[in-house]
């Protein structure tokens, strides 16, 4: 028997393939389904079943496409009945205790609601054993943390928090301390708060160190609801997509090379979103007016899902070597309407003599000297802001900027800051898109401010 973990950085998502005796089961497949098909081919196993722990909120699942490619059985939670999100695709309905064979081994469903009502974990048993060797805990139990119970909104969150308490205290109480816990996410995911760096843990270690195993029910509810991070706006959209089943990713959309005149016409029509995936310095030095900058890297999927409109087509601007991965990153969060990319990138636009927009940079010493005459806009998250910020700065977390942009003053220069510059560049591009004509970036962000030993307030 073999367990293989597949990680998607940025979303910090873990999918798993369990194989035994020539068969394999895929757990929580992402849309990059060729990774699982290629792995099965290399290992000489056949994917016979595909399962999910729950209807995911943070990424588009690839289960339907993988089932279509492999002919594998799709087995999903049967506890979605009468819930807000219900699986619509044909599938085998799993209930507590149901078995999912994988060669001579067995996965057994365990209902662990709280993160979502339908959430299942999967206990793995070797042939002939009545003691499980591992639990695939999805978004129920993480290393050092638990899944957030607020995905279904204010009315449902207290009830789900109490279900999560019961899952922690009662539904897994008979399981052994030595049980390997293989979660659905690692550090960086927003599906829980305070996720540890470990890619796995043991149940005994969590019982000994995870504070949520020790709280009374009322304390548990209070603490878990107070701990949840900001929820990306795209999460409800993603749950709706995954309940219906995400469309196949093959062929990969967005392959069309669009010349300068095509992109200029699209831009003038206002029909498309221009997404510039270059790094912040290159974007600041010159970009198409109205383009949104979300640079390549691990955070592209998260911020694209959060800041872009899934209903409007996207045209990409970036380096040729980055474009395929950028398209994949968008598809991972259900941004499927990719019309193509600017052929030869910004070089072609500049060579055509077309106008560009810039984002000037100000050093931390300049910003310090200008305090009071400029508006310093800090777009870090609330926890970062509370740890220390520039006195007199305004705070709007990047994920909230589209909703809050109308309240930002336009009567002076806006200097945008984050930790190092990635989020600040995205925020500056959104401000320019909204018509702000005096926008600059604080070079190096708060990291540079602190390094210069400049004053902060809490």
Protein backbone atom coordinates (compact mmCIF):
# COMPACT_ATOMS: atom_id res chain seq x y z
CA UNK A 1 0.00 0.00 0.00
CA UNK A 2 1.27 3.46 -0.91
CA UNK A 3 0.13 7.01 -0.15
CA UNK A 4 1.23 9.87 -2.41
CA UNK A 5 0.54 13.51 -1.56
CA UNK A 6 0.12 16.17 -4.29
CA UNK A 7 0.59 19.76 -3.17
CA UNK A 8 -0.59 22.93 -4.89
CA UNK A 9 1.40 25.86 -3.45
CA UNK A 10 -0.41 29.15 -2.87
CA UNK A 11 -3.71 27.42 -2.24
CA UNK A 12 -1.76 25.10 0.10
CA UNK A 13 -4.00 22.26 -1.01
CA UNK A 14 -3.16 18.58 -0.58
CA UNK A 15 -4.66 15.86 -2.75
CA UNK A 16 -3.82 12.21 -2.21
CA UNK A 17 -3.56 9.01 -4.21
CA UNK A 18 -3.83 5.78 -2.23
CA UNK A 19 -2.79 2.68 -4.16
CA UNK A 20 -2.72 -1.02 -3.42
CA UNK A 21 -2.64 -4.21 -5.50
CA UNK A 22 -2.87 -2.38 -8.81
CA UNK A 23 -5.76 -0.07 -7.86
CA UNK A 24 -5.80 3.57 -6.81
CA UNK A 25 -8.22 6.00 -5.17
CA UNK A 26 -7.80 9.76 -5.61
CA UNK A 27 -8.89 12.00 -2.72
CA UNK A 28 -9.77 15.68 -3.31
CA UNK A 29 -8.49 16.00 -6.87
CA UNK A 30 -7.72 19.45 -8.20
CA UNK A 31 -8.36 20.44 -11.78
CA UNK A 32 -4.81 19.58 -12.89
CA UNK A 33 -5.99 16.01 -13.38
CA UNK A 34 -3.12 14.95 -15.63
CA UNK A 35 -0.91 14.84 -12.52
CA UNK A 36 -2.93 11.94 -11.13
CA UNK A 37 -3.26 10.18 -14.49
CA UNK A 38 0.50 10.44 -15.12
CA UNK A 39 1.27 9.23 -11.61
CA UNK A 40 -1.00 6.21 -11.98
CA UNK A 41 0.66 5.38 -15.30
CA UNK A 42 4.14 5.59 -13.79
CA UNK A 43 3.13 3.44 -10.83
CA UNK A 44 1.35 0.87 -12.98
CA UNK A 45 -1.96 1.26 -11.13
CA UNK A 46 -5.50 1.94 -12.33
CA UNK A 47 -7.58 4.73 -10.83
CA UNK A 48 -10.78 2.94 -9.86
CA UNK A 49 -12.44 5.42 -7.52
CA UNK A 50 -12.46 9.15 -6.84
CA UNK A 51 -13.68 10.62 -3.55
CA UNK A 52 -13.99 14.08 -2.01
CA UNK A 53 -14.07 15.08 1.63
CA UNK A 54 -16.59 17.88 1.00
CA UNK A 55 -17.81 20.52 -1.46
CA UNK A 56 -14.71 22.70 -1.65
CA UNK A 57 -14.72 26.48 -1.38
CA UNK A 58 -11.15 27.45 -2.22
CA UNK A 59 -10.45 25.62 -5.48
CA UNK A 60 -12.21 24.07 -8.45
CA UNK A 61 -12.26 20.29 -8.04
CA UNK A 62 -11.19 18.02 -10.88
CA UNK A 63 -13.18 14.98 -9.78
CA UNK A 64 -15.69 15.03 -12.64
CA UNK A 65 -13.08 15.34 -15.36
CA UNK A 66 -10.89 12.69 -13.74
CA UNK A 67 -13.85 10.29 -13.55
CA UNK A 68 -14.64 10.94 -17.22
CA UNK A 69 -11.03 10.27 -18.28
CA UNK A 70 -10.48 7.16 -16.18
CA UNK A 71 -13.96 5.64 -15.97
CA UNK A 72 -13.52 5.53 -12.20
CA UNK A 73 -16.45 5.55 -9.80
CA UNK A 74 -17.17 8.96 -8.28
CA UNK A 75 -18.11 8.57 -4.60
CA UNK A 76 -19.21 11.66 -2.65
CA UNK A 77 -20.84 12.54 0.65
CA UNK A 78 -24.48 11.61 1.04
CA UNK A 79 -24.94 14.19 3.81
CA UNK A 80 -25.61 17.07 1.42
CA UNK A 81 -29.36 16.40 1.37
CA UNK A 82 -31.42 19.58 1.91
CA UNK A 83 -28.26 21.64 2.39
CA UNK A 84 -27.50 24.92 0.60
CA UNK A 85 -24.97 23.22 -1.69
CA UNK A 86 -25.91 19.81 -3.10
CA UNK A 87 -23.87 17.59 -5.43
CA UNK A 88 -25.60 17.59 -8.82
CA UNK A 89 -23.44 15.12 -10.79
CA UNK A 90 -24.10 11.35 -10.90
CA UNK A 91 -22.23 9.66 -8.06
CA UNK A 92 -22.30 6.98 -5.39
CA UNK A 93 -23.58 8.46 -2.12
CA UNK A 94 -21.41 7.69 0.87
CA UNK A 95 -22.69 7.52 4.43
CA UNK A 96 -20.90 6.99 7.72
CA UNK A 97 -19.08 3.64 7.71
CA UNK A 98 -19.36 3.00 3.96
CA UNK A 99 -16.35 1.27 2.43
CA UNK A 100 -14.36 2.41 -0.58
CA UNK A 101 -12.10 -0.47 -1.69
CA UNK A 102 -8.58 0.18 -2.95
CA UNK A 103 -7.00 -3.11 -3.88
CA UNK A 104 -6.79 -5.18 -0.71
CA UNK A 105 -6.99 -2.07 1.48
CA UNK A 106 -10.11 -0.12 2.41
CA UNK A 107 -11.07 3.49 2.91
CA UNK A 108 -14.03 3.92 5.26
CA UNK A 109 -16.12 7.09 5.36
CA UNK A 110 -16.45 8.93 8.66
CA UNK A 111 -18.94 11.80 8.90
CA UNK A 112 -17.09 14.76 10.48
CA UNK A 113 -19.32 17.83 9.96
CA UNK A 114 -18.48 21.32 11.14
CA UNK A 115 -16.39 22.84 8.38
CA UNK A 116 -19.33 21.93 6.16
CA UNK A 117 -22.45 19.87 6.94
CA UNK A 118 -21.58 17.11 4.46
CA UNK A 119 -17.90 16.75 5.38
CA UNK A 120 -16.45 13.24 5.35
CA UNK A 121 -13.06 12.05 6.53
CA UNK A 122 -11.67 8.72 5.31
CA UNK A 123 -10.08 6.09 7.55
CA UNK A 124 -7.54 3.84 5.82
CA UNK A 125 -7.36 0.16 6.79
CA UNK A 126 -4.82 -2.37 5.62
CA UNK A 127 -6.01 -5.81 4.60
CA UNK A 128 -7.29 -7.82 7.54
CA UNK A 129 -6.83 -5.05 10.12
CA UNK A 130 -9.55 -3.49 12.25
CA UNK A 131 -7.28 -0.61 13.32
CA UNK A 132 -6.94 2.28 10.88
CA UNK A 133 -3.45 3.43 9.92
CA UNK A 134 -4.39 6.91 8.69
CA UNK A 135 -7.22 9.40 8.41
CA UNK A 136 -7.61 11.71 5.43
CA UNK A 137 -9.18 14.54 7.37
CA UNK A 138 -9.87 17.03 4.58
CA UNK A 139 -10.74 20.41 6.07
CA UNK A 140 -11.90 18.99 9.40
CA UNK A 141 -8.58 18.56 11.21
CA UNK A 142 -5.30 20.21 10.26
CA UNK A 143 -1.87 20.17 11.87
CA UNK A 144 -2.42 22.45 14.84
CA UNK A 145 -5.78 23.79 13.68
CA UNK A 146 -9.34 23.01 12.61
CA UNK A 147 -11.43 23.94 9.61
CA UNK A 148 -13.39 27.18 9.68
CA UNK A 149 -17.15 26.73 10.35
CA UNK A 150 -18.35 30.02 8.82
CA UNK A 151 -18.46 29.21 5.10
CA UNK A 152 -22.27 29.12 4.97
CA UNK A 153 -22.73 32.55 6.54
CA UNK A 154 -23.84 34.11 9.80
CA UNK A 155 -26.99 32.06 10.32
CA UNK A 156 -25.23 28.72 10.00
CA UNK A 157 -21.87 29.34 11.61
CA UNK A 158 -22.76 28.76 15.28
CA UNK A 159 -24.54 25.50 14.50
CA UNK A 160 -21.62 24.34 12.39
CA UNK A 161 -19.17 25.32 15.13
CA UNK A 162 -21.09 23.09 17.54
CA UNK A 163 -21.02 20.26 15.00
CA UNK A 164 -17.27 20.77 14.67
CA UNK A 165 -16.96 20.50 18.45
CA UNK A 166 -18.86 17.20 18.39
CA UNK A 167 -16.66 15.92 15.56
CA UNK A 168 -13.54 16.70 17.60
CA UNK A 169 -14.76 15.48 20.96
CA UNK A 170 -17.01 12.55 20.08
CA UNK A 171 -16.80 11.33 16.48
CA UNK A 172 -13.07 10.55 16.63
CA UNK A 173 -12.71 9.80 20.35
CA UNK A 174 -12.29 6.03 19.84
CA UNK A 175 -9.51 6.40 17.26
CA UNK A 176 -5.94 5.58 18.37
CA UNK A 177 -3.34 8.21 19.26
CA UNK A 178 -0.89 6.81 16.71
CA UNK A 179 -3.23 7.44 13.79
CA UNK A 180 -1.59 9.43 10.99
CA UNK A 181 -3.59 12.56 10.17
CA UNK A 182 -3.31 13.57 6.50
CA UNK A 183 -5.11 16.92 6.11
CA UNK A 184 -6.45 18.68 3.05
CA UNK A 185 -4.40 21.84 3.54
CA UNK A 186 -1.18 23.19 5.02
CA UNK A 187 0.17 26.54 6.15
CA UNK A 188 -1.13 29.42 4.05
CA UNK A 189 -4.63 28.09 3.44
CA UNK A 190 -7.56 30.27 4.48
CA UNK A 191 -9.77 27.23 5.15
CA UNK A 192 -8.66 27.38 8.78
CA UNK A 193 -6.73 29.64 11.15
CA UNK A 194 -3.17 29.08 12.31
CA UNK A 195 -2.38 26.04 10.20
CA UNK A 196 1.01 24.60 11.12
CA UNK A 197 3.94 24.02 8.78
CA UNK A 198 3.73 20.23 9.11
CA UNK A 199 2.23 18.41 6.15
CA UNK A 200 0.85 15.75 8.49
CA UNK A 201 0.41 15.06 12.17
CA UNK A 202 -0.89 12.33 14.47
CA UNK A 203 -4.12 12.25 16.39
CA UNK A 204 -2.25 11.83 19.67
CA UNK A 205 -0.12 14.89 18.99
CA UNK A 206 -3.21 16.96 18.25
CA UNK A 207 -4.91 15.72 21.41
CA UNK A 208 -1.85 16.77 23.40
CA UNK A 209 -1.13 20.13 21.76
CA UNK A 210 -4.15 21.43 19.86
CA UNK A 211 -6.11 23.67 22.26
CA UNK A 212 -9.43 22.95 20.56
CA UNK A 213 -9.31 19.43 21.99
CA UNK A 214 -9.47 20.88 25.52
CA UNK A 215 -12.13 23.61 25.41
CA UNK A 216 -15.65 23.24 26.72
CA UNK A 217 -18.29 23.47 24.01
CA UNK A 218 -19.12 27.14 24.61
CA UNK A 219 -15.42 28.08 24.78
CA UNK A 220 -14.80 26.10 21.62
CA UNK A 221 -17.52 27.93 19.71
CA UNK A 222 -16.32 31.33 20.90
CA UNK A 223 -12.65 30.61 20.12
CA UNK A 224 -13.13 28.99 16.73
CA UNK A 225 -15.41 31.76 15.45
CA UNK A 226 -13.04 34.45 16.72
CA UNK A 227 -10.10 32.79 14.97
CA UNK A 228 -11.32 32.62 11.39
CA UNK A 229 -9.41 34.70 8.84
CA UNK A 230 -11.07 36.93 6.27
CA UNK A 231 -13.05 34.86 3.77
CA UNK A 232 -12.21 35.39 0.10
CA UNK A 233 -15.18 36.64 -1.88
CA UNK A 234 -14.86 33.84 -4.41
CA UNK A 235 -15.52 31.03 -1.92
CA UNK A 236 -19.33 30.91 -2.35
CA UNK A 237 -18.89 30.95 -6.14
CA UNK A 238 -16.45 28.06 -5.90
CA UNK A 239 -18.81 25.99 -3.75
CA UNK A 240 -21.58 26.50 -6.29
CA UNK A 241 -19.22 25.46 -9.11
CA UNK A 242 -18.06 22.33 -7.27
CA UNK A 243 -21.61 21.32 -6.40
CA UNK A 244 -22.43 21.34 -10.11
CA UNK A 245 -19.06 19.92 -11.18
CA UNK A 246 -16.33 21.96 -12.84
CA UNK A 247 -15.97 21.60 -16.59
CA UNK A 248 -12.98 19.82 -18.12
CA UNK A 249 -9.75 21.84 -18.30
CA UNK A 250 -8.63 20.20 -21.52
CA UNK A 251 -7.95 21.79 -23.92
CA UNK A 252 -6.53 24.58 -21.78
CA UNK A 253 -8.37 27.84 -22.62
CA UNK A 254 -6.54 31.08 -23.30
CA UNK A 255 -4.11 29.81 -25.95
CA UNK A 256 -4.94 32.54 -28.49
CA UNK A 257 -2.12 35.00 -29.22
CA UNK A 258 -3.79 38.40 -29.61
CA UNK A 259 -1.98 41.13 -31.51
CA UNK A 260 -1.73 44.71 -30.31
CA UNK A 261 -4.66 45.93 -32.38
CA UNK A 262 -6.93 43.16 -31.12
CA UNK A 263 -6.06 43.89 -27.49
CA UNK A 264 -6.44 47.64 -28.02
CA UNK A 265 -9.92 47.12 -29.50
CA UNK A 266 -10.91 44.81 -26.63
CA UNK A 267 -9.58 47.30 -24.10
CA UNK A 268 -11.47 50.20 -25.66
CA UNK A 269 -14.70 48.20 -25.71
CA UNK A 270 -14.42 47.55 -21.97
CA UNK A 271 -15.46 43.96 -22.60
CA UNK A 272 -12.40 42.31 -21.05
CA UNK A 273 -10.32 42.34 -17.90
CA UNK A 274 -6.61 42.91 -18.49
CA UNK A 275 -4.56 40.81 -16.08
CA UNK A 276 -0.86 41.64 -15.96
CA UNK A 277 1.03 38.80 -14.29
CA UNK A 278 4.48 40.39 -14.35
CA UNK A 279 6.32 41.18 -11.15
CA UNK A 280 5.61 44.48 -9.45
CA UNK A 281 8.71 46.38 -10.62
CA UNK A 282 8.04 45.58 -14.28
CA UNK A 283 4.38 46.51 -13.92
CA UNK A 284 5.21 49.78 -12.21
CA UNK A 285 7.66 50.71 -14.97
CA UNK A 286 4.95 50.56 -17.61
CA UNK A 287 1.62 48.83 -18.18
CA UNK A 288 -1.65 49.11 -20.06
CA UNK A 289 -4.01 51.57 -18.41
CA UNK A 290 -6.71 49.69 -16.56
CA UNK A 291 -4.72 46.47 -16.16
CA UNK A 292 -4.83 44.65 -12.83
CA UNK A 293 -1.47 43.42 -11.57
CA UNK A 294 -1.42 40.06 -9.81
CA UNK A 295 2.08 38.74 -10.24
CA UNK A 296 3.12 35.19 -10.99
CA UNK A 297 3.86 33.04 -7.99
CA UNK A 298 2.11 31.00 -5.37
CA UNK A 299 -0.53 33.64 -4.60
CA UNK A 300 -1.82 34.16 -8.14
CA UNK A 301 -4.77 31.77 -7.81
CA UNK A 302 -5.90 33.18 -4.47
CA UNK A 303 -5.80 36.84 -5.43
CA UNK A 304 -7.15 36.33 -8.94
CA UNK A 305 -10.11 34.45 -7.50
CA UNK A 306 -10.64 37.18 -4.93
CA UNK A 307 -10.21 40.27 -7.14
CA UNK A 308 -11.36 39.36 -10.66
CA UNK A 309 -14.86 38.98 -12.08
CA UNK A 310 -15.56 35.39 -13.13
CA UNK A 311 -18.27 36.55 -15.54
CA UNK A 312 -15.98 38.75 -17.66
CA UNK A 313 -13.35 37.46 -20.10
CA UNK A 314 -9.67 37.89 -19.27
CA UNK A 315 -6.72 38.84 -21.46
CA UNK A 316 -3.30 38.02 -20.02
CA UNK A 317 -0.20 40.18 -20.22
CA UNK A 318 3.10 38.69 -19.18
CA UNK A 319 6.28 36.89 -20.11
CA UNK A 320 5.82 34.05 -22.59
CA UNK A 321 7.33 31.49 -20.19
CA UNK A 322 4.72 32.31 -17.53
CA UNK A 323 1.52 32.25 -19.55
CA UNK A 324 0.62 28.56 -19.40
CA UNK A 325 1.06 28.39 -15.64
CA UNK A 326 -0.92 31.63 -15.30
CA UNK A 327 -3.80 30.07 -17.22
CA UNK A 328 -3.70 27.00 -14.99
CA UNK A 329 -3.66 29.19 -11.88
CA UNK A 330 -6.83 30.97 -13.06
CA UNK A 331 -8.61 27.72 -13.85
CA UNK A 332 -7.85 26.41 -10.37
CA UNK A 333 -10.23 29.05 -9.01
CA UNK A 334 -12.85 28.77 -11.73
CA UNK A 335 -11.73 31.71 -13.88
CA UNK A 336 -12.34 29.88 -17.14
CA UNK A 337 -13.11 32.81 -19.46
CA UNK A 338 -9.59 33.43 -20.73
CA UNK A 339 -9.71 34.93 -24.22
CA UNK A 340 -5.96 34.84 -24.82
CA UNK A 341 -2.82 36.85 -24.22
CA UNK A 342 -1.05 39.90 -25.63
CA UNK A 343 1.35 38.50 -28.21
CA UNK A 344 4.96 39.50 -27.45
CA UNK A 345 3.73 41.22 -24.27
CA UNK A 346 4.49 44.80 -23.31
CA UNK A 347 7.38 45.00 -25.80
CA UNK A 348 4.84 44.81 -28.63
CA UNK A 349 2.62 47.45 -27.01
CA UNK A 350 5.49 49.88 -26.45
CA UNK A 351 6.92 49.25 -29.95
CA UNK A 352 3.54 50.20 -31.40
CA UNK A 353 3.88 53.59 -29.72
CA UNK A 354 0.81 53.08 -27.57
CA UNK A 355 0.45 54.84 -24.21
CA UNK A 356 1.45 53.20 -20.93
CA UNK A 357 0.68 53.98 -17.32
CA UNK A 358 3.20 53.82 -14.48
CA UNK A 359 3.24 53.39 -10.72
CA UNK A 360 5.99 55.57 -9.20
CA UNK A 361 7.90 54.30 -6.18
CA UNK A 362 8.70 56.24 -3.05
CA UNK A 363 11.39 55.17 -0.61
CA UNK A 364 10.44 54.64 3.02
CA UNK A 365 12.38 57.77 3.95
CA UNK A 366 10.34 59.80 1.43
CA UNK A 367 7.10 58.38 2.80
CA UNK A 368 8.18 59.17 6.34
CA UNK A 369 8.95 62.76 5.35
CA UNK A 370 5.66 63.14 3.47
CA UNK A 371 3.40 61.78 6.20
CA UNK A 372 0.42 64.10 6.59
CA UNK A 373 0.56 65.32 3.01
CA UNK A 374 0.00 61.91 1.42
CA UNK A 375 -2.41 59.12 2.30
CA UNK A 376 -0.55 55.94 3.25
CA UNK A 377 -2.83 53.01 2.44
CA UNK A 378 -1.85 49.76 4.14
CA UNK A 379 -3.42 46.74 2.38
CA UNK A 380 -2.09 43.98 4.65
CA UNK A 381 -4.51 41.79 6.53
CA UNK A 382 -5.96 42.75 9.91
CA UNK A 383 -3.55 40.64 11.94
CA UNK A 384 -0.54 42.23 10.24
CA UNK A 385 -2.00 45.71 10.76
CA UNK A 386 -2.52 45.06 14.48
CA UNK A 387 1.08 43.93 14.88
CA UNK A 388 2.29 47.39 13.89
CA UNK A 389 1.66 50.04 11.23
CA UNK A 390 2.63 53.55 10.21
CA UNK A 391 0.98 56.21 12.37
CA UNK A 392 -1.75 58.01 10.45
CA UNK A 393 -2.01 55.32 7.77
CA UNK A 394 -5.38 54.07 6.56
CA UNK A 395 -6.07 50.36 6.45
CA UNK A 396 -8.07 48.42 3.87
CA UNK A 397 -7.10 44.76 3.41
CA UNK A 398 -6.51 43.98 -0.26
CA UNK A 399 -9.40 41.55 -0.41
CA UNK A 400 -11.78 44.32 0.70
CA UNK A 401 -10.43 47.03 -1.59
CA UNK A 402 -12.92 46.65 -4.43
CA UNK A 403 -15.79 47.03 -1.96
CA UNK A 404 -14.17 49.90 -0.03
CA UNK A 405 -12.58 51.88 -2.84
CA UNK A 406 -15.32 54.54 -2.90
CA UNK A 407 -14.42 55.74 0.60
CA UNK A 408 -10.73 56.35 -0.17
CA UNK A 409 -10.01 60.08 -0.59
CA UNK A 410 -8.89 61.30 -4.01
CA UNK A 411 -7.66 64.73 -2.92
CA UNK A 412 -4.04 63.68 -2.40
CA UNK A 413 -1.48 61.14 -3.47
CA UNK A 414 -2.14 57.60 -2.26
CA UNK A 415 0.99 55.68 -1.29
CA UNK A 416 0.20 51.98 -1.09
CA UNK A 417 2.04 49.61 1.22
CA UNK A 418 1.92 45.94 2.18
CA UNK A 419 4.61 43.70 3.65
CA UNK A 420 6.98 43.66 0.68
CA UNK A 421 5.17 44.97 -2.42
CA UNK A 422 3.20 42.15 -4.07
CA UNK A 423 -0.22 43.04 -2.64
CA UNK A 424 0.52 46.77 -2.79
CA UNK A 425 1.11 46.54 -6.54
CA UNK A 426 -2.23 44.74 -6.98
CA UNK A 427 -3.92 47.43 -4.88
CA UNK A 428 -2.26 50.26 -6.83
CA UNK A 429 -3.50 48.73 -10.07
CA UNK A 430 -7.05 48.56 -8.71
CA UNK A 431 -6.87 52.20 -7.65
CA UNK A 432 -5.65 53.28 -11.07
CA UNK A 433 -8.37 51.18 -12.69
CA UNK A 434 -10.90 53.07 -10.55
CA UNK A 435 -9.60 56.43 -11.79
CA UNK A 436 -7.14 57.46 -9.09
CA UNK A 437 -4.53 59.60 -10.86
CA UNK A 438 -1.97 59.97 -8.05
CA UNK A 439 -0.95 56.51 -6.88
CA UNK A 440 2.50 55.35 -5.82
CA UNK A 441 4.08 52.38 -4.07
CA UNK A 442 6.17 52.39 -0.91
CA UNK A 443 9.27 50.55 -2.10
CA UNK A 444 9.96 47.46 -0.02
CA UNK A 445 6.77 47.83 2.00
CA UNK A 446 6.68 47.46 5.77
CA UNK A 447 9.66 45.12 5.62
CA UNK A 448 11.78 48.04 4.38
CA UNK A 449 10.15 50.43 6.87
CA UNK A 450 11.06 48.19 9.79
CA UNK A 451 14.55 47.56 8.43
CA UNK A 452 15.07 51.35 8.37
CA UNK A 453 14.01 51.44 12.05
CA UNK A 454 11.22 53.90 11.31
CA UNK A 455 8.42 54.32 13.90
CA UNK A 456 5.33 52.12 14.04
CA UNK A 457 2.24 52.17 16.17
CA UNK A 458 -0.01 49.30 17.20
